[in-house]
């Protein structure tokens, strides 16, 4: 692990834990993983990754003032019930720091053992943004010919696919750019549809990461509007028309027309990868 930091949800300040003043050693406490489950007859049921406690050793070198600073940030997030972000080499987990115990105190060193609650039991990172261009930016689509022919030509089609390199469906962030009228996108057999108009210069962001399920329109002037109710939810997960359906694994054909959109798939792991 090359870097570790905590981002306070209350005020956005970042606590670097990779030195030189504050460091978390090898941070072995955040390594490891755990699933919750119920044993059944030759199988498991109720399989989830719930919140769990881990330990983290933090050392302050000649900076007792930083021990006070970090305590205030950790406590603010717990008191406000707003988990911060623990970031390990770009892999992020929502977390609370709920306890600190002094293990070593000297004129130059303060060493504490922290109890950290990983609020969702998973680590995430965004994959590179996948761009799906509007018709205006893709020459050659739906060409018309200057002469009539005795037979019809099929319209030119896109050869576009979404990519999820993981072995299971993953959450995503999707941004649909206006102008668009009742935009819909088909990925892996599921239709993502908004029952609304998106004006030129505006865009709608759909977020399904963690506990967040949001649909927000940002106008050309930056004003933001909650349009959660405009997302089609059909019969729910795996129903074929669910706006928050996770992106299936592998490469899946994408169908859309007119507008452009961006797709960011978020990888999820039970622990920060070793490599």
C-alpha atoms as a PDB file:
ATOM      1  CA  UNK A   1       0.000   0.000   0.000  1.00  0.00           C
ATOM      2  CA  UNK A   2       1.544   3.243  -1.155  1.00  0.00           C
ATOM      3  CA  UNK A   3      -0.880   5.770   0.338  1.00  0.00           C
ATOM      4  CA  UNK A   4      -3.650   5.941   2.906  1.00  0.00           C
ATOM      5  CA  UNK A   5      -5.824   8.910   3.805  1.00  0.00           C
ATOM      6  CA  UNK A   6      -9.101   9.811   5.486  1.00  0.00           C
ATOM      7  CA  UNK A   7     -11.417  12.446   4.010  1.00  0.00           C
ATOM      8  CA  UNK A   8     -13.685  14.071   6.591  1.00  0.00           C
ATOM      9  CA  UNK A   9     -17.304  14.186   5.425  1.00  0.00           C
ATOM     10  CA  UNK A  10     -18.127  17.118   7.707  1.00  0.00           C
ATOM     11  CA  UNK A  11     -15.725  19.690   6.266  1.00  0.00           C
ATOM     12  CA  UNK A  12     -13.842  17.944   3.437  1.00  0.00           C
ATOM     13  CA  UNK A  13     -10.411  18.125   5.095  1.00  0.00           C
ATOM     14  CA  UNK A  14      -8.010  15.273   4.340  1.00  0.00           C
ATOM     15  CA  UNK A  15      -5.870  13.430   6.883  1.00  0.00           C
ATOM     16  CA  UNK A  16      -2.820  11.928   5.187  1.00  0.00           C
ATOM     17  CA  UNK A  17      -1.639   8.742   6.906  1.00  0.00           C
ATOM     18  CA  UNK A  18       1.481   7.988   4.871  1.00  0.00           C
ATOM     19  CA  UNK A  19       3.933  10.324   6.620  1.00  0.00           C
ATOM     20  CA  UNK A  20       5.944  12.225   7.447  1.00  0.00           C
ATOM     21  CA  UNK A  21       3.977  13.556  10.441  1.00  0.00           C
ATOM     22  CA  UNK A  22       1.192  10.952  10.575  1.00  0.00           C
ATOM     23  CA  UNK A  23       1.612   7.398   9.383  1.00  0.00           C
ATOM     24  CA  UNK A  24      -0.296   4.132   9.657  1.00  0.00           C
ATOM     25  CA  UNK A  25       2.645   1.728   9.274  1.00  0.00           C
ATOM     26  CA  UNK A  26       1.565  -1.177   7.029  1.00  0.00           C
ATOM     27  CA  UNK A  27      -2.132  -0.701   7.947  1.00  0.00           C
ATOM     28  CA  UNK A  28      -2.571  -4.466   8.184  1.00  0.00           C
ATOM     29  CA  UNK A  29      -5.735  -3.964  10.211  1.00  0.00           C
ATOM     30  CA  UNK A  30      -7.735  -2.932   7.142  1.00  0.00           C
ATOM     31  CA  UNK A  31      -6.587  -6.007   5.242  1.00  0.00           C
ATOM     32  CA  UNK A  32      -8.913  -8.993   5.257  1.00  0.00           C
ATOM     33  CA  UNK A  33     -12.560  -9.466   4.438  1.00  0.00           C
ATOM     34  CA  UNK A  34     -15.712 -10.920   5.955  1.00  0.00           C
ATOM     35  CA  UNK A  35     -19.127 -11.943   4.605  1.00  0.00           C
ATOM     36  CA  UNK A  36     -22.219 -12.308   6.762  1.00  0.00           C
ATOM     37  CA  UNK A  37     -24.307 -15.406   6.043  1.00  0.00           C
ATOM     38  CA  UNK A  38     -26.651 -18.041   7.440  1.00  0.00           C
ATOM     39  CA  UNK A  39     -25.754 -21.702   7.154  1.00  0.00           C
ATOM     40  CA  UNK A  40     -28.355 -23.895   5.509  1.00  0.00           C
ATOM     41  CA  UNK A  41     -28.522 -27.412   4.185  1.00  0.00           C
ATOM     42  CA  UNK A  42     -25.527 -27.619   1.852  1.00  0.00           C
ATOM     43  CA  UNK A  43     -25.731 -23.910   1.098  1.00  0.00           C
ATOM     44  CA  UNK A  44     -25.647 -20.353   2.404  1.00  0.00           C
ATOM     45  CA  UNK A  45     -28.429 -17.792   2.615  1.00  0.00           C
ATOM     46  CA  UNK A  46     -28.662 -14.145   3.569  1.00  0.00           C
ATOM     47  CA  UNK A  47     -25.208 -13.434   2.149  1.00  0.00           C
ATOM     48  CA  UNK A  48     -24.239  -9.775   2.691  1.00  0.00           C
ATOM     49  CA  UNK A  49     -21.233  -7.590   3.402  1.00  0.00           C
ATOM     50  CA  UNK A  50     -22.279  -5.666   6.503  1.00  0.00           C
ATOM     51  CA  UNK A  51     -20.571  -2.933   8.503  1.00  0.00           C
ATOM     52  CA  UNK A  52     -17.655  -4.301  10.519  1.00  0.00           C
ATOM     53  CA  UNK A  53     -14.923  -3.136  12.887  1.00  0.00           C
ATOM     54  CA  UNK A  54     -11.204  -3.129  12.038  1.00  0.00           C
ATOM     55  CA  UNK A  55      -8.125  -1.813  13.836  1.00  0.00           C
ATOM     56  CA  UNK A  56      -5.653   0.757  12.568  1.00  0.00           C
ATOM     57  CA  UNK A  57      -2.444   1.888  14.287  1.00  0.00           C
ATOM     58  CA  UNK A  58      -1.696   5.576  13.822  1.00  0.00           C
ATOM     59  CA  UNK A  59       1.564   7.275  14.816  1.00  0.00           C
ATOM     60  CA  UNK A  60       2.116  11.029  15.220  1.00  0.00           C
ATOM     61  CA  UNK A  61       5.734  12.150  14.989  1.00  0.00           C
ATOM     62  CA  UNK A  62       6.550  15.338  16.959  1.00  0.00           C
ATOM     63  CA  UNK A  63       3.067  16.732  16.232  1.00  0.00           C
ATOM     64  CA  UNK A  64       0.690  16.367  19.201  1.00  0.00           C
ATOM     65  CA  UNK A  65      -1.390  19.151  17.670  1.00  0.00           C
ATOM     66  CA  UNK A  66      -2.229  16.826  14.770  1.00  0.00           C
ATOM     67  CA  UNK A  67      -3.547  14.239  17.208  1.00  0.00           C
ATOM     68  CA  UNK A  68      -6.030  16.867  18.421  1.00  0.00           C
ATOM     69  CA  UNK A  69      -6.892  17.879  14.851  1.00  0.00           C
ATOM     70  CA  UNK A  70      -7.612  14.339  13.666  1.00  0.00           C
ATOM     71  CA  UNK A  71      -9.668  13.595  16.783  1.00  0.00           C
ATOM     72  CA  UNK A  72     -11.936  16.557  16.071  1.00  0.00           C
ATOM     73  CA  UNK A  73     -12.467  15.473  12.458  1.00  0.00           C
ATOM     74  CA  UNK A  74     -13.114  11.823  13.366  1.00  0.00           C
ATOM     75  CA  UNK A  75     -15.539  12.800  16.154  1.00  0.00           C
ATOM     76  CA  UNK A  76     -17.397  15.294  13.953  1.00  0.00           C
ATOM     77  CA  UNK A  77     -18.218  12.620  11.388  1.00  0.00           C
ATOM     78  CA  UNK A  78     -19.436  10.208  14.068  1.00  0.00           C
ATOM     79  CA  UNK A  79     -21.518  12.889  15.812  1.00  0.00           C
ATOM     80  CA  UNK A  80     -23.015  14.071  12.514  1.00  0.00           C
ATOM     81  CA  UNK A  81     -23.650  10.503  11.342  1.00  0.00           C
ATOM     82  CA  UNK A  82     -21.786  11.262   8.117  1.00  0.00           C
ATOM     83  CA  UNK A  83     -19.163   8.601   7.369  1.00  0.00           C
ATOM     84  CA  UNK A  84     -15.856   9.814   6.016  1.00  0.00           C
ATOM     85  CA  UNK A  85     -13.900   8.183   3.209  1.00  0.00           C
ATOM     86  CA  UNK A  86     -10.919   5.946   3.913  1.00  0.00           C
ATOM     87  CA  UNK A  87      -8.825   5.907   0.731  1.00  0.00           C
ATOM     88  CA  UNK A  88      -6.166   3.240   0.157  1.00  0.00           C
ATOM     89  CA  UNK A  89      -4.331   3.748  -3.143  1.00  0.00           C
ATOM     90  CA  UNK A  90      -7.534   5.053  -4.735  1.00  0.00           C
ATOM     91  CA  UNK A  91      -9.798   2.347  -3.281  1.00  0.00           C
ATOM     92  CA  UNK A  92     -12.436   3.989  -1.084  1.00  0.00           C
ATOM     93  CA  UNK A  93     -14.504   2.773   1.863  1.00  0.00           C
ATOM     94  CA  UNK A  94     -17.025   4.755   3.903  1.00  0.00           C
ATOM     95  CA  UNK A  95     -15.825   4.706   7.501  1.00  0.00           C
ATOM     96  CA  UNK A  96     -16.209   5.993  11.047  1.00  0.00           C
ATOM     97  CA  UNK A  97     -13.339   6.210  13.535  1.00  0.00           C
ATOM     98  CA  UNK A  98     -15.171   5.422  16.777  1.00  0.00           C
ATOM     99  CA  UNK A  99     -12.376   4.743  19.271  1.00  0.00           C
ATOM    100  CA  UNK A 100      -8.732   5.614  19.994  1.00  0.00           C
ATOM    101  CA  UNK A 101      -6.486   4.022  22.613  1.00  0.00           C
ATOM    102  CA  UNK A 102      -3.022   5.350  23.461  1.00  0.00           C
ATOM    103  CA  UNK A 103      -0.336   2.678  23.061  1.00  0.00           C
ATOM    104  CA  UNK A 104       2.888   4.681  23.234  1.00  0.00           C
ATOM    105  CA  UNK A 105       3.588   8.223  24.469  1.00  0.00           C
ATOM    106  CA  UNK A 106       6.998   9.874  24.398  1.00  0.00           C
ATOM    107  CA  UNK A 107       8.441  13.363  23.772  1.00  0.00           C
ATOM    108  CA  UNK A 108       8.577  12.564  20.032  1.00  0.00           C
ATOM    109  CA  UNK A 109       5.896   9.924  19.461  1.00  0.00           C
ATOM    110  CA  UNK A 110       2.188   9.443  20.076  1.00  0.00           C
ATOM    111  CA  UNK A 111       0.940   6.047  18.927  1.00  0.00           C
ATOM    112  CA  UNK A 112      -2.764   5.190  19.003  1.00  0.00           C
ATOM    113  CA  UNK A 113      -4.796   2.122  18.185  1.00  0.00           C
ATOM    114  CA  UNK A 114      -7.927   3.236  16.324  1.00  0.00           C
ATOM    115  CA  UNK A 115     -11.154   1.280  15.986  1.00  0.00           C
ATOM    116  CA  UNK A 116     -12.578   1.925  12.527  1.00  0.00           C
ATOM    117  CA  UNK A 117     -16.064   0.923  11.387  1.00  0.00           C
ATOM    118  CA  UNK A 118     -16.208   0.165   7.671  1.00  0.00           C
ATOM    119  CA  UNK A 119     -19.786   1.293   7.188  1.00  0.00           C
ATOM    120  CA  UNK A 120     -20.587  -0.776   4.097  1.00  0.00           C
ATOM    121  CA  UNK A 121     -17.994  -3.539   4.303  1.00  0.00           C
ATOM    122  CA  UNK A 122     -16.691  -2.888   0.754  1.00  0.00           C
ATOM    123  CA  UNK A 123     -13.978  -0.920  -1.032  1.00  0.00           C
ATOM    124  CA  UNK A 124     -14.685   0.848  -4.323  1.00  0.00           C
ATOM    125  CA  UNK A 125     -12.956   2.752  -7.079  1.00  0.00           C
ATOM    126  CA  UNK A 126     -14.244   4.243 -10.348  1.00  0.00           C
ATOM    127  CA  UNK A 127     -13.103   2.757 -13.636  1.00  0.00           C
ATOM    128  CA  UNK A 128     -12.267   5.079 -16.564  1.00  0.00           C
ATOM    129  CA  UNK A 129     -15.253   6.937 -18.003  1.00  0.00           C
ATOM    130  CA  UNK A 130     -16.848   5.283 -21.040  1.00  0.00           C
ATOM    131  CA  UNK A 131     -18.108   7.813 -23.606  1.00  0.00           C
ATOM    132  CA  UNK A 132     -21.114   7.140 -25.845  1.00  0.00           C
ATOM    133  CA  UNK A 133     -21.368   9.969 -28.327  1.00  0.00           C
ATOM    134  CA  UNK A 134     -24.449  11.763 -29.617  1.00  0.00           C
ATOM    135  CA  UNK A 135     -25.531  11.288 -33.232  1.00  0.00           C
ATOM    136  CA  UNK A 136     -24.093  14.718 -34.091  1.00  0.00           C
ATOM    137  CA  UNK A 137     -20.624  13.498 -33.100  1.00  0.00           C
ATOM    138  CA  UNK A 138     -20.879  10.193 -35.016  1.00  0.00           C
ATOM    139  CA  UNK A 139     -20.826  10.847 -38.767  1.00  0.00           C
ATOM    140  CA  UNK A 140     -22.378   8.196 -40.982  1.00  0.00           C
ATOM    141  CA  UNK A 141     -25.394   7.300 -38.852  1.00  0.00           C
ATOM    142  CA  UNK A 142     -28.738   7.057 -40.691  1.00  0.00           C
ATOM    143  CA  UNK A 143     -27.412   8.374 -43.987  1.00  0.00           C
ATOM    144  CA  UNK A 144     -29.932   9.384 -46.650  1.00  0.00           C
ATOM    145  CA  UNK A 145     -29.207   8.920 -50.363  1.00  0.00           C
ATOM    146  CA  UNK A 146     -29.911  11.544 -53.079  1.00  0.00           C
ATOM    147  CA  UNK A 147     -31.622   8.947 -55.336  1.00  0.00           C
ATOM    148  CA  UNK A 148     -34.419   6.443 -54.798  1.00  0.00           C
ATOM    149  CA  UNK A 149     -33.525   2.757 -54.892  1.00  0.00           C
ATOM    150  CA  UNK A 150     -35.835  -0.244 -55.430  1.00  0.00           C
ATOM    151  CA  UNK A 151     -34.844  -1.583 -52.048  1.00  0.00           C
ATOM    152  CA  UNK A 152     -34.183  -0.030 -48.640  1.00  0.00           C
ATOM    153  CA  UNK A 153     -30.788   0.264 -47.029  1.00  0.00           C
ATOM    154  CA  UNK A 154     -30.592  -0.628 -43.364  1.00  0.00           C
ATOM    155  CA  UNK A 155     -29.646   2.326 -41.160  1.00  0.00           C
ATOM    156  CA  UNK A 156     -26.049   2.439 -40.028  1.00  0.00           C
ATOM    157  CA  UNK A 157     -25.728   1.109 -36.476  1.00  0.00           C
ATOM    158  CA  UNK A 158     -23.278   1.768 -33.678  1.00  0.00           C
ATOM    159  CA  UNK A 159     -20.932  -0.981 -32.594  1.00  0.00           C
ATOM    160  CA  UNK A 160     -20.818   0.113 -28.963  1.00  0.00           C
ATOM    161  CA  UNK A 161     -20.552  -1.934 -25.783  1.00  0.00           C
ATOM    162  CA  UNK A 162     -20.254  -1.206 -22.085  1.00  0.00           C
ATOM    163  CA  UNK A 163     -17.396  -2.822 -20.204  1.00  0.00           C
ATOM    164  CA  UNK A 164     -17.438  -4.229 -16.663  1.00  0.00           C
ATOM    165  CA  UNK A 165     -14.257  -6.251 -16.022  1.00  0.00           C
ATOM    166  CA  UNK A 166     -15.531  -7.672 -12.728  1.00  0.00           C
ATOM    167  CA  UNK A 167     -17.227 -11.069 -12.422  1.00  0.00           C
ATOM    168  CA  UNK A 168     -20.426  -9.696 -10.862  1.00  0.00           C
ATOM    169  CA  UNK A 169     -22.758  -6.738 -11.622  1.00  0.00           C
ATOM    170  CA  UNK A 170     -21.350  -3.408 -10.454  1.00  0.00           C
ATOM    171  CA  UNK A 171     -22.792  -0.003  -9.478  1.00  0.00           C
ATOM    172  CA  UNK A 172     -22.389   2.965 -11.780  1.00  0.00           C
ATOM    173  CA  UNK A 173     -22.623   6.676 -12.381  1.00  0.00           C
ATOM    174  CA  UNK A 174     -24.301   7.737 -15.630  1.00  0.00           C
ATOM    175  CA  UNK A 175     -24.467  11.248 -17.100  1.00  0.00           C
ATOM    176  CA  UNK A 176     -26.967  11.924 -19.894  1.00  0.00           C
ATOM    177  CA  UNK A 177     -26.428  15.129 -21.879  1.00  0.00           C
ATOM    178  CA  UNK A 178     -29.164  17.277 -23.363  1.00  0.00           C
ATOM    179  CA  UNK A 179     -30.939  17.929 -25.538  1.00  0.00           C
ATOM    180  CA  UNK A 180     -32.891  14.713 -25.049  1.00  0.00           C
ATOM    181  CA  UNK A 181     -36.576  13.801 -24.868  1.00  0.00           C
ATOM    182  CA  UNK A 182     -37.477  10.820 -22.665  1.00  0.00           C
ATOM    183  CA  UNK A 183     -33.978   9.367 -23.119  1.00  0.00           C
ATOM    184  CA  UNK A 184     -33.570   5.615 -22.823  1.00  0.00           C
ATOM    185  CA  UNK A 185     -30.526   3.370 -22.932  1.00  0.00           C
ATOM    186  CA  UNK A 186     -30.479  -0.418 -23.198  1.00  0.00           C
ATOM    187  CA  UNK A 187     -27.537  -2.267 -21.630  1.00  0.00           C
ATOM    188  CA  UNK A 188     -27.472  -6.017 -21.167  1.00  0.00           C
ATOM    189  CA  UNK A 189     -31.226  -6.374 -21.581  1.00  0.00           C
ATOM    190  CA  UNK A 190     -32.156  -3.657 -19.091  1.00  0.00           C
ATOM    191  CA  UNK A 191     -33.683  -0.326 -20.141  1.00  0.00           C
ATOM    192  CA  UNK A 192     -32.555   2.812 -18.311  1.00  0.00           C
ATOM    193  CA  UNK A 193     -35.209   5.460 -19.023  1.00  0.00           C
ATOM    194  CA  UNK A 194     -36.026   8.960 -17.857  1.00  0.00           C
ATOM    195  CA  UNK A 195     -39.528  10.328 -18.377  1.00  0.00           C
ATOM    196  CA  UNK A 196     -38.482  13.947 -18.886  1.00  0.00           C
ATOM    197  CA  UNK A 197     -36.910  16.438 -21.254  1.00  0.00           C
ATOM    198  CA  UNK A 198     -33.276  17.449 -20.790  1.00  0.00           C
ATOM    199  CA  UNK A 199     -32.661  20.906 -22.308  1.00  0.00           C
ATOM    200  CA  UNK A 200     -29.631  21.726 -24.412  1.00  0.00           C
ATOM    201  CA  UNK A 201     -26.671  22.525 -22.152  1.00  0.00           C
ATOM    202  CA  UNK A 202     -28.118  20.571 -19.227  1.00  0.00           C
ATOM    203  CA  UNK A 203     -27.333  17.052 -18.077  1.00  0.00           C
ATOM    204  CA  UNK A 204     -28.759  14.446 -15.704  1.00  0.00           C
ATOM    205  CA  UNK A 205     -26.564  12.364 -13.391  1.00  0.00           C
ATOM    206  CA  UNK A 206     -27.754   8.964 -12.150  1.00  0.00           C
ATOM    207  CA  UNK A 207     -25.834   7.554  -9.182  1.00  0.00           C
ATOM    208  CA  UNK A 208     -26.141   4.039  -7.750  1.00  0.00           C
ATOM    209  CA  UNK A 209     -22.945   3.798  -5.698  1.00  0.00           C
ATOM    210  CA  UNK A 210     -23.306   2.404  -2.175  1.00  0.00           C
ATOM    211  CA  UNK A 211     -26.376   3.615  -0.365  1.00  0.00           C
ATOM    212  CA  UNK A 212     -26.820   6.509  -2.807  1.00  0.00           C
ATOM    213  CA  UNK A 213     -29.679   6.333  -5.288  1.00  0.00           C
ATOM    214  CA  UNK A 214     -29.960   9.753  -6.851  1.00  0.00           C
ATOM    215  CA  UNK A 215     -31.067  11.353 -10.118  1.00  0.00           C
ATOM    216  CA  UNK A 216     -30.112  15.032 -10.401  1.00  0.00           C
ATOM    217  CA  UNK A 217     -30.386  17.466 -13.328  1.00  0.00           C
ATOM    218  CA  UNK A 218     -27.778  20.205 -13.624  1.00  0.00           C
ATOM    219  CA  UNK A 219     -28.873  23.185 -15.722  1.00  0.00           C
ATOM    220  CA  UNK A 220     -26.574  25.138 -18.015  1.00  0.00           C
ATOM    221  CA  UNK A 221     -26.180  27.802 -15.300  1.00  0.00           C
ATOM    222  CA  UNK A 222     -25.240  25.205 -12.671  1.00  0.00           C
ATOM    223  CA  UNK A 223     -28.586  25.025 -10.856  1.00  0.00           C
ATOM    224  CA  UNK A 224     -29.330  21.495  -9.627  1.00  0.00           C
ATOM    225  CA  UNK A 225     -32.777  19.864  -9.444  1.00  0.00           C
ATOM    226  CA  UNK A 226     -33.759  16.548  -7.864  1.00  0.00           C
ATOM    227  CA  UNK A 227     -35.527  14.542 -10.596  1.00  0.00           C
ATOM    228  CA  UNK A 228     -35.540  11.202  -8.789  1.00  0.00           C
ATOM    229  CA  UNK A 229     -39.204  10.614  -9.651  1.00  0.00           C
ATOM    230  CA  UNK A 230     -38.446  10.779 -13.397  1.00  0.00           C
ATOM    231  CA  UNK A 231     -36.468   7.535 -13.425  1.00  0.00           C
ATOM    232  CA  UNK A 232     -38.341   4.422 -14.576  1.00  0.00           C
ATOM    233  CA  UNK A 233     -38.150   1.691 -11.945  1.00  0.00           C
ATOM    234  CA  UNK A 234     -40.510  -0.875 -13.457  1.00  0.00           C
ATOM    235  CA  UNK A 235     -40.859  -3.896 -11.168  1.00  0.00           C
ATOM    236  CA  UNK A 236     -37.469  -3.276  -9.554  1.00  0.00           C
ATOM    237  CA  UNK A 237     -34.154  -5.102  -9.651  1.00  0.00           C
ATOM    238  CA  UNK A 238     -33.805  -7.525 -12.579  1.00  0.00           C
ATOM    239  CA  UNK A 239     -37.243  -6.516 -13.870  1.00  0.00           C
ATOM    240  CA  UNK A 240     -35.883  -5.300 -17.223  1.00  0.00           C
ATOM    241  CA  UNK A 241     -36.683  -1.596 -16.780  1.00  0.00           C
ATOM    242  CA  UNK A 242     -34.921  -0.472 -13.613  1.00  0.00           C
ATOM    243  CA  UNK A 243     -33.052   2.845 -13.693  1.00  0.00           C
ATOM    244  CA  UNK A 244     -30.633   1.697 -10.963  1.00  0.00           C
ATOM    245  CA  UNK A 245     -29.889  -1.782 -12.377  1.00  0.00           C
ATOM    246  CA  UNK A 246     -26.192  -2.645 -11.804  1.00  0.00           C
ATOM    247  CA  UNK A 247     -24.069  -2.968 -14.938  1.00  0.00           C
ATOM    248  CA  UNK A 248     -23.681  -6.679 -15.839  1.00  0.00           C
ATOM    249  CA  UNK A 249     -20.209  -8.221 -16.065  1.00  0.00           C
ATOM    250  CA  UNK A 250     -18.283  -8.423 -19.314  1.00  0.00           C
ATOM    251  CA  UNK A 251     -18.960  -6.506 -22.514  1.00  0.00           C
ATOM    252  CA  UNK A 252     -22.620  -5.755 -23.257  1.00  0.00           C
ATOM    253  CA  UNK A 253     -24.162  -4.167 -26.350  1.00  0.00           C
ATOM    254  CA  UNK A 254     -25.446  -0.638 -25.751  1.00  0.00           C
ATOM    255  CA  UNK A 255     -28.430   0.801 -27.638  1.00  0.00           C
ATOM    256  CA  UNK A 256     -29.426   4.486 -27.645  1.00  0.00           C
ATOM    257  CA  UNK A 257     -30.271   7.200 -30.149  1.00  0.00           C
ATOM    258  CA  UNK A 258     -29.778  10.931 -30.528  1.00  0.00           C
ATOM    259  CA  UNK A 259     -28.222  12.104 -27.283  1.00  0.00           C
ATOM    260  CA  UNK A 260     -24.820  11.344 -25.778  1.00  0.00           C
ATOM    261  CA  UNK A 261     -23.950   9.962 -22.360  1.00  0.00           C
ATOM    262  CA  UNK A 262     -21.047   8.933 -20.136  1.00  0.00           C
ATOM    263  CA  UNK A 263     -20.904   5.758 -18.037  1.00  0.00           C
ATOM    264  CA  UNK A 264     -18.589   5.131 -15.086  1.00  0.00           C
ATOM    265  CA  UNK A 265     -18.604   1.617 -13.647  1.00  0.00           C
ATOM    266  CA  UNK A 266     -17.435   1.323 -10.021  1.00  0.00           C
ATOM    267  CA  UNK A 267     -15.424  -1.730  -9.019  1.00  0.00           C
ATOM    268  CA  UNK A 268     -16.199  -3.242  -5.624  1.00  0.00           C
ATOM    269  CA  UNK A 269     -13.860  -5.436  -3.572  1.00  0.00           C
ATOM    270  CA  UNK A 270     -14.059  -6.940  -0.088  1.00  0.00           C
ATOM    271  CA  UNK A 271     -10.618  -5.542   0.770  1.00  0.00           C
ATOM    272  CA  UNK A 272      -8.056  -3.261  -0.884  1.00  0.00           C
ATOM    273  CA  UNK A 273      -6.273  -5.304  -3.578  1.00  0.00           C
ATOM    274  CA  UNK A 274      -2.677  -6.314  -2.861  1.00  0.00           C
ATOM    275  CA  UNK A 275      -1.339  -5.579  -6.346  1.00  0.00           C
END
